[in-house]
Every structure is written in structure tokens, then in C-alpha cells.
C-alpha atoms as a PDB file:
ATOM      1  CA  MET A   1     104.805  90.988  69.119  1.00  0.00           C
ATOM      2  CA  MET A   2     106.294  89.832  72.381  1.00  0.00           C
ATOM      3  CA  ASN A   3     104.872  87.065  74.418  1.00  0.00           C
ATOM      4  CA  LYS A   4     104.870  86.502  77.372  1.00  0.00           C
ATOM      5  CA  PRO A   5     107.468  86.309  79.752  1.00  0.00           C
ATOM      6  CA  THR A   6     106.959  82.108  81.401  1.00  0.00           C
ATOM      7  CA  ASP A   7     110.020  82.130  83.313  1.00  0.00           C
ATOM      8  CA  HIS A   8     108.425  82.658  86.448  1.00  0.00           C
ATOM      9  CA  ALA A   9     105.412  81.884  87.968  1.00  0.00           C
ATOM     10  CA  LEU A  10     102.578  85.542  89.172  1.00  0.00           C
ATOM     11  CA  PRO A  11     101.652  86.209  92.485  1.00  0.00           C
ATOM     12  CA  ASP A  12      98.098  84.215  92.326  1.00  0.00           C
ATOM     13  CA  ASP A  13      97.695  86.670  96.177  1.00  0.00           C
ATOM     14  CA  PRO A  14      94.977  89.313  94.773  1.00  0.00           C
ATOM     15  CA  VAL A  15      97.640  92.253  97.602  1.00  0.00           C
ATOM     16  CA  MET A  16     101.036  90.592  96.652  1.00  0.00           C
ATOM     17  CA  PHE A  17     100.219  90.664  92.815  1.00  0.00           C
ATOM     18  CA  ALA A  18      99.066  94.910  93.596  1.00  0.00           C
ATOM     19  CA  ALA A  19     103.226  94.620  94.913  1.00  0.00           C
ATOM     20  CA  TYR A  20     104.615  92.957  91.389  1.00  0.00           C
ATOM     21  CA  VAL A  21     102.736  95.646  89.786  1.00  0.00           C
ATOM     22  CA  ALA A  22     103.472  98.657  91.197  1.00  0.00           C
ATOM     23  CA  SER A  23     107.126  97.786  91.154  1.00  0.00           C
ATOM     24  CA  ILE A  24     106.826  96.402  87.646  1.00  0.00           C
ATOM     25  CA  SER A  25     104.789  99.689  86.740  1.00  0.00           C
ATOM     26  CA  GLY A  26     107.791 102.051  88.548  1.00  0.00           C
ATOM     27  CA  GLU A  27     110.293 100.589  86.962  1.00  0.00           C
ATOM     28  CA  LEU A  28     107.969 100.860  83.622  1.00  0.00           C
ATOM     29  CA  ALA A  29     107.302 104.505  83.847  1.00  0.00           C
ATOM     30  CA  ARG A  30     111.360 105.861  85.329  1.00  0.00           C
ATOM     31  CA  ILE A  31     111.723 103.666  81.829  1.00  0.00           C
ATOM     32  CA  SER A  32     109.248 105.593  79.686  1.00  0.00           C
ATOM     33  CA  ARG A  33     110.827 109.390  81.403  1.00  0.00           C
ATOM     34  CA  GLU A  34     114.519 108.484  80.474  1.00  0.00           C
ATOM     35  CA  ASN A  35     113.874 108.345  76.890  1.00  0.00           C
ATOM     36  CA  GLY A  36     111.228 110.865  76.764  1.00  0.00           C
ATOM     37  CA  LEU A  37     107.713 109.258  77.418  1.00  0.00           C
ATOM     38  CA  SER A  38     106.533 112.468  79.819  1.00  0.00           C
ATOM     39  CA  THR A  39     102.626 111.162  79.072  1.00  0.00           C
ATOM     40  CA  LEU A  40     102.800 107.458  79.380  1.00  0.00           C
ATOM     41  CA  ALA A  41     105.661 107.310  82.646  1.00  0.00           C
ATOM     42  CA  TYR A  42     102.748 109.595  83.906  1.00  0.00           C
ATOM     43  CA  ILE A  43     100.188 106.585  82.876  1.00  0.00           C
ATOM     44  CA  LEU A  44     102.711 104.355  84.842  1.00  0.00           C
ATOM     45  CA  GLU A  45     102.829 106.143  87.614  1.00  0.00           C
ATOM     46  CA  MET A  46      99.896 106.212  88.187  1.00  0.00           C
ATOM     47  CA  ALA A  47      98.929 102.661  88.197  1.00  0.00           C
ATOM     48  CA  ARG A  48     102.016 102.315  90.603  1.00  0.00           C
ATOM     49  CA  LEU A  49     100.031 104.593  92.675  1.00  0.00           C
ATOM     50  CA  GLU A  50      97.404 103.274  92.795  1.00  0.00           C
ATOM     51  CA  ALA A  51      98.255  99.530  93.016  1.00  0.00           C
ATOM     52  CA  ARG A  52      99.725 100.700  96.145  1.00  0.00           C
ATOM     53  CA  ASN A  53      97.994 101.999  97.342  1.00  0.00           C
ATOM     54  CA  ILE A  54      95.934  98.478  97.013  1.00  0.00           C
ATOM     55  CA  THR A  55      98.815  96.767  98.488  1.00  0.00           C
ATOM     56  CA  LEU A  56      98.572  99.575 101.956  1.00  0.00           C
ATOM     57  CA  THR A  57      95.185  99.239 101.993  1.00  0.00           C
ATOM     58  CA  GLU A  58      94.773  96.034 102.525  1.00  0.00           C
ATOM     59  CA  GLN A  59      97.814  95.462 104.970  1.00  0.00           C
ATOM     60  CA  ASP A  60      96.622  97.843 106.812  1.00  0.00           C
ATOM     61  CA  ALA A  61      92.678  95.466 106.898  1.00  0.00           C
ATOM     62  CA  SER A  62      94.528  92.632 107.782  1.00  0.00           C
ATOM     63  CA  ALA A  63      96.726  93.973 110.906  1.00  0.00           C
ATOM     64  CA  GLU A  64      93.082  95.630 112.070  1.00  0.00           C
ATOM     65  CA  GLN A  65      92.341  92.159 111.152  1.00  0.00           C
ATOM     66  CA  GLN A  66      94.393  90.445 113.474  1.00  0.00           C
ATOM     67  CA  THR A  67      94.450  93.333 115.941  1.00  0.00           C
ATOM     68  CA  ALA A  68      90.284  92.293 116.431  1.00  0.00           C
ATOM     69  CA  GLN A  69      91.117  88.894 117.140  1.00  0.00           C
ATOM     70  CA  THR A  70      94.025  88.864 119.658  1.00  0.00           C
ATOM     71  CA  ASN A  71      91.602  91.808 121.627  1.00  0.00           C
END
């Protein structure tokens, strides 16, 4: 079993963490696909899309809130 990496801290902010998950799951999906693990690649790609959707949704909500405050 592999040890948890300790050389870097994970983001505390949920939106930043979702962006991190999107990035790493995309890379893992690519590696899985290259090694013939198509089902695993598909699942990881779905995780990437969900994490990206969370990131974009939260960014949009934040932008709308800032616009409303300035008006």
C-alpha cells in the first residue's frame, strides 16, 4: 500500500480542492487510458467533470454575488 504524500498541503478551500481534484483526476484518467484501463479512465473522467462543474458553479456564484454588491 502506498503512503499518503506529505510533501505538499492540500487546499483548505472547497472550490480550490475541487479544482485540484479536477486536475489530478484528469491526469489519472489519461494514464489509465494509456494503459488500457478504459473503465477506470471513464470513472476518473466523470470525477474530473464533476469537480470542474463544482469549481465553475462556485466561481459563477461568487462573481454574481460580487456584481450584486457593487450595484
